[in-house]
Amino acid sequence: MAENIEYAPIPSAEGTWDIPSSEKLAKSAVVGKVLAELGNHDPDIVVITADLKFSNRTVDFEVAHPDRFINVGISEQHMVTMAAGMATYGYKPYVATFASFVGLLAAEQMRTDLAYPGLPVRIVAHHAGISLGFYGTSHPLDGIEATVIDAHTVRPFDSSTIAESAGRSGRLLVAEEHNVVGGVATACAEALVEHGLANVKLERIGMPADEYALIGPPTHLYRHYELDATGIEKRARKLAAG
């Protein structure tokens, strides 16, 4: 079913986009503003989405550059292949849809049409995991001195930073909205071994191996999997005391 929810575009921030101005916006609103600003300076940028322009706020790019915005409807595979074709003609496409859609439905197109020929297509994969449609809060771990590292990608992976920090403390807590196998925790374990730090105590928080995530309100799921602030603090204290 096509989206039928109408939202007024968020008013543009004064001047050029920058980090301070983006912090005043909800995370879901930033991508459209950033792309619109990039489009002001690069006429080759085009944005394509699969019926989710309000969910991912690419509607803001559409408002600014309607002639360079394409809504392909519910056809994620076609969207990726279309972007590949446009890239061969010099355009710089950004495609945007739910992470689960592009990762599952368009995996072959990303591999064959984008990765093999090395085409400059950017993929905005949003609303991943159990955070779909929910934006939570966190609080500091009182009484625990910790270094927080945002391991935002597993390839490339900053194994040196992980190893350096974990080597100093002798402990590493990994919290990821993902299966505890084959994700950030696994990449961290490999980094420790490769740097001769197999003695570092590693604790993982995430979805249990060989299980699908439960279905329910995100607040309940975060609490169930100990991915909320209370759960992370509990596991951090246990690791620190061990």
Protein backbone atom coordinates (compact mmCIF):
# COMPACT_ATOMS: atom_id res chain seq x y z
CA MET A 1 0.00 0.00 0.00
CA ALA A 2 1.39 3.41 -0.91
CA GLU A 3 2.03 5.94 1.81
CA ASN A 4 -0.89 8.30 2.26
CA ILE A 5 0.31 10.26 5.27
CA GLU A 6 0.94 13.90 4.52
CA TYR A 7 3.50 15.87 6.48
CA ALA A 8 4.54 19.43 5.86
CA PRO A 9 8.24 19.68 4.96
CA ILE A 10 10.44 20.74 7.85
CA PRO A 11 11.47 24.38 7.43
CA SER A 12 15.02 24.72 6.16
CA ALA A 13 17.64 25.77 8.65
CA GLU A 14 19.17 29.17 8.04
CA GLY A 15 22.30 29.15 5.96
CA THR A 16 24.23 26.06 5.02
CA TRP A 17 23.70 22.68 6.64
CA ASP A 18 26.20 21.85 9.33
CA ILE A 19 26.48 19.55 12.34
CA PRO A 20 25.13 22.03 14.95
CA SER A 21 22.01 22.68 12.89
CA SER A 22 21.46 18.96 12.26
CA GLU A 23 21.51 18.24 15.98
CA LYS A 24 18.36 20.33 16.32
CA LEU A 25 16.51 17.94 14.03
CA ALA A 26 15.24 14.43 14.69
CA LYS A 27 17.53 11.76 13.27
CA SER A 28 14.84 10.77 10.78
CA ALA A 29 14.65 14.30 9.43
CA VAL A 30 18.33 14.90 8.78
CA VAL A 31 18.86 12.82 5.65
CA GLY A 32 16.50 14.82 3.46
CA LYS A 33 17.99 18.12 4.57
CA VAL A 34 21.54 16.94 4.00
CA LEU A 35 20.76 15.56 0.55
CA ALA A 36 18.93 18.75 -0.40
CA GLU A 37 21.93 20.82 0.62
CA LEU A 38 24.32 18.54 -1.25
CA GLY A 39 22.05 18.85 -4.26
CA ASN A 40 22.37 22.62 -4.13
CA HIS A 41 26.06 22.27 -4.92
CA ASP A 42 26.06 19.19 -7.17
CA PRO A 43 23.57 19.03 -10.05
CA ASP A 44 24.40 15.37 -10.69
CA ILE A 45 22.88 14.16 -7.41
CA VAL A 46 19.55 12.36 -7.76
CA VAL A 47 17.48 10.74 -5.03
CA ILE A 48 15.33 7.64 -5.52
CA THR A 49 13.02 6.07 -2.95
CA ALA A 50 10.53 3.20 -2.90
CA ASP A 51 7.32 4.79 -1.62
CA LEU A 52 8.90 5.96 1.63
CA LYS A 53 9.62 9.63 1.03
CA PHE A 54 7.81 10.68 4.20
CA SER A 55 9.28 7.96 6.41
CA ASN A 56 12.84 8.81 5.39
CA ARG A 57 12.17 12.52 4.74
CA THR A 58 13.58 12.42 1.22
CA VAL A 59 10.49 14.51 0.55
CA ASP A 60 12.67 17.44 1.64
CA PHE A 61 14.95 16.74 -1.31
CA GLU A 62 11.91 16.49 -3.56
CA VAL A 63 10.74 19.93 -2.44
CA ALA A 64 14.13 21.46 -3.17
CA HIS A 65 14.90 19.53 -6.37
CA PRO A 66 11.69 18.02 -7.80
CA ASP A 67 13.28 17.33 -11.18
CA ARG A 68 15.93 15.09 -9.56
CA PHE A 69 13.67 13.08 -7.28
CA ILE A 70 12.12 9.74 -8.29
CA ASN A 71 9.62 7.62 -6.37
CA VAL A 72 9.61 4.17 -7.96
CA GLY A 73 6.83 2.77 -5.78
CA ILE A 74 7.14 -0.57 -4.03
CA SER A 75 9.94 -1.94 -6.22
CA GLU A 76 13.22 -1.93 -4.33
CA GLN A 77 15.05 -4.18 -6.78
CA HIS A 78 14.10 -1.97 -9.70
CA MET A 79 15.19 1.07 -7.69
CA VAL A 80 18.73 -0.26 -7.25
CA THR A 81 19.09 -1.32 -10.87
CA MET A 82 17.72 2.02 -12.07
CA ALA A 83 20.29 3.80 -9.90
CA ALA A 84 23.03 1.68 -11.46
CA GLY A 85 21.94 2.69 -14.93
CA MET A 86 21.84 6.36 -14.00
CA ALA A 87 25.31 6.12 -12.47
CA THR A 88 26.72 4.88 -15.77
CA TYR A 89 25.57 8.16 -17.31
CA GLY A 90 27.36 10.31 -14.75
CA TYR A 91 24.63 10.82 -12.18
CA LYS A 92 25.25 10.31 -8.45
CA PRO A 93 22.20 8.42 -7.19
CA TYR A 94 21.16 8.05 -3.56
CA VAL A 95 18.58 5.30 -2.99
CA ALA A 96 16.62 5.21 0.26
CA THR A 97 14.37 2.59 1.82
CA PHE A 98 14.02 0.43 4.94
CA ALA A 99 17.24 -1.43 5.75
CA SER A 100 15.46 -4.80 5.78
CA PHE A 101 14.00 -4.14 2.32
CA VAL A 102 17.19 -3.14 0.58
CA GLY A 103 19.29 -5.72 2.42
CA LEU A 104 17.00 -8.66 1.64
CA LEU A 105 15.05 -7.80 -1.48
CA ALA A 106 17.81 -6.03 -3.40
CA ALA A 107 20.86 -8.02 -2.29
CA GLU A 108 21.49 -9.49 -5.74
CA GLN A 109 21.08 -6.11 -7.43
CA MET A 110 23.54 -4.50 -5.03
CA ARG A 111 26.07 -7.24 -5.68
CA THR A 112 25.68 -7.60 -9.44
CA ASP A 113 24.66 -4.11 -10.55
CA LEU A 114 26.57 -1.96 -8.06
CA ALA A 115 29.46 -3.80 -6.40
CA TYR A 116 30.85 -5.73 -9.36
CA PRO A 117 31.13 -2.71 -11.70
CA GLY A 118 32.02 -0.40 -8.78
CA LEU A 119 29.33 2.17 -9.50
CA PRO A 120 29.01 5.25 -7.25
CA VAL A 121 25.52 4.58 -5.90
CA ARG A 122 24.90 5.51 -2.25
CA ILE A 123 22.39 3.46 -0.27
CA VAL A 124 20.49 5.06 2.62
CA ALA A 125 19.24 2.05 4.62
CA HIS A 126 17.08 3.40 7.42
CA HIS A 127 14.85 2.10 10.21
CA ALA A 128 16.98 -0.97 10.91
CA GLY A 129 16.27 -3.62 13.53
CA ILE A 130 13.82 -3.33 16.39
CA SER A 131 14.18 0.46 16.42
CA LEU A 132 11.72 0.72 13.56
CA GLY A 133 9.58 3.75 14.16
CA PHE A 134 10.99 4.41 17.64
CA TYR A 135 13.59 6.83 18.94
CA GLY A 136 14.75 6.29 22.49
CA THR A 137 16.98 7.91 25.04
CA SER A 138 19.96 6.83 27.08
CA HIS A 139 21.79 7.89 30.19
CA PRO A 140 25.42 7.73 31.42
CA LEU A 141 26.70 4.66 33.27
CA ASP A 142 27.00 6.18 36.73
CA GLY A 143 30.17 5.27 38.52
CA ILE A 144 31.77 3.49 35.57
CA GLU A 145 34.58 5.07 33.64
CA ALA A 146 34.13 3.90 30.07
CA THR A 147 35.22 4.76 26.56
CA VAL A 148 32.34 4.71 24.08
CA ILE A 149 33.24 3.77 20.50
CA ASP A 150 30.73 4.03 17.68
CA ALA A 151 31.59 1.05 15.47
CA HIS A 152 29.24 2.19 12.73
CA THR A 153 30.50 -0.22 10.05
CA VAL A 154 31.86 -3.77 10.02
CA ARG A 155 33.58 -3.25 6.69
CA PRO A 156 35.70 -1.22 6.86
CA PHE A 157 36.22 -1.91 10.56
CA ASP A 158 38.47 0.15 12.82
CA SER A 159 40.10 -2.80 14.56
CA SER A 160 43.06 -0.74 15.75
CA THR A 161 40.91 1.66 17.78
CA ILE A 162 38.94 -1.22 19.30
CA ALA A 163 42.11 -3.10 20.22
CA GLU A 164 43.84 -0.04 21.65
CA SER A 165 40.93 0.84 23.92
CA ALA A 166 40.16 -2.72 25.02
CA GLY A 167 43.84 -3.40 25.60
CA ARG A 168 44.02 -0.59 28.15
CA SER A 169 40.99 -1.69 30.16
CA GLY A 170 41.13 -5.45 29.63
CA ARG A 171 37.36 -5.46 29.08
CA LEU A 172 35.10 -4.86 26.11
CA LEU A 173 31.30 -4.63 26.11
CA VAL A 174 29.63 -4.73 22.71
CA ALA A 175 25.95 -3.73 22.39
CA GLU A 176 24.41 -4.08 18.96
CA GLU A 177 20.90 -4.28 17.60
CA HIS A 178 21.84 -7.41 15.72
CA ASN A 179 22.51 -11.10 16.21
CA VAL A 180 25.48 -11.54 18.54
CA VAL A 181 27.09 -13.76 15.90
CA GLY A 182 28.44 -12.35 12.67
CA GLY A 183 28.16 -8.69 13.54
CA VAL A 184 30.12 -6.07 15.46
CA ALA A 185 30.86 -8.37 18.41
CA THR A 186 32.38 -10.97 16.11
CA ALA A 187 34.45 -8.30 14.35
CA CYS A 188 35.66 -7.08 17.76
CA ALA A 189 36.64 -10.62 18.81
CA GLU A 190 38.65 -11.02 15.61
CA ALA A 191 40.34 -7.67 16.20
CA LEU A 192 41.38 -8.68 19.72
CA VAL A 193 42.86 -11.97 18.54
CA GLU A 194 44.67 -10.35 15.62
CA HIS A 195 46.26 -7.82 17.99
CA GLY A 196 47.32 -10.45 20.53
CA LEU A 197 44.66 -9.49 23.05
CA ALA A 198 42.79 -12.76 23.43
CA ASN A 199 42.89 -12.30 27.22
CA VAL A 200 40.53 -9.29 27.06
CA LYS A 201 37.13 -10.12 28.59
CA LEU A 202 34.43 -9.68 25.95
CA GLU A 203 30.73 -9.34 26.74
CA ARG A 204 28.08 -9.24 24.01
CA ILE A 205 24.57 -7.79 24.13
CA GLY A 206 22.21 -8.42 21.23
CA MET A 207 19.85 -10.93 19.71
CA PRO A 208 20.60 -14.54 20.71
CA ALA A 209 22.21 -16.72 18.08
CA ASP A 210 19.89 -18.86 15.95
CA GLU A 211 16.76 -16.96 17.00
CA TYR A 212 14.50 -14.48 15.28
CA ALA A 213 13.73 -11.31 17.18
CA LEU A 214 10.45 -11.26 19.06
CA ILE A 215 7.64 -9.04 17.81
CA GLY A 216 6.35 -6.30 20.07
CA PRO A 217 6.67 -2.65 21.03
CA PRO A 218 10.28 -1.50 20.60
CA THR A 219 10.46 -0.28 24.21
CA HIS A 220 9.65 -3.77 25.44
CA LEU A 221 12.08 -5.40 23.02
CA TYR A 222 14.97 -3.15 24.04
CA ARG A 223 14.30 -4.04 27.67
CA HIS A 224 13.92 -7.76 26.90
CA TYR A 225 17.26 -7.94 25.07
CA GLU A 226 18.97 -5.65 27.63
CA LEU A 227 19.66 -3.06 24.94
CA ASP A 228 18.10 -0.26 26.97
CA ALA A 229 20.16 1.94 29.27
CA THR A 230 19.34 -0.18 32.34
CA GLY A 231 20.34 -3.40 30.64
CA ILE A 232 23.59 -2.01 29.29
CA GLU A 233 24.49 -0.60 32.71
CA LYS A 234 23.74 -3.94 34.35
CA ARG A 235 25.98 -5.84 31.96
CA ALA A 236 28.72 -3.21 32.18
CA ARG A 237 28.80 -3.45 35.97
CA LYS A 238 28.94 -7.24 35.79
CA LEU A 239 31.84 -7.06 33.32
CA ALA A 240 33.70 -4.47 35.39
CA ALA A 241 33.36 -6.57 38.54
CA GLY A 242 34.39 -9.80 36.86
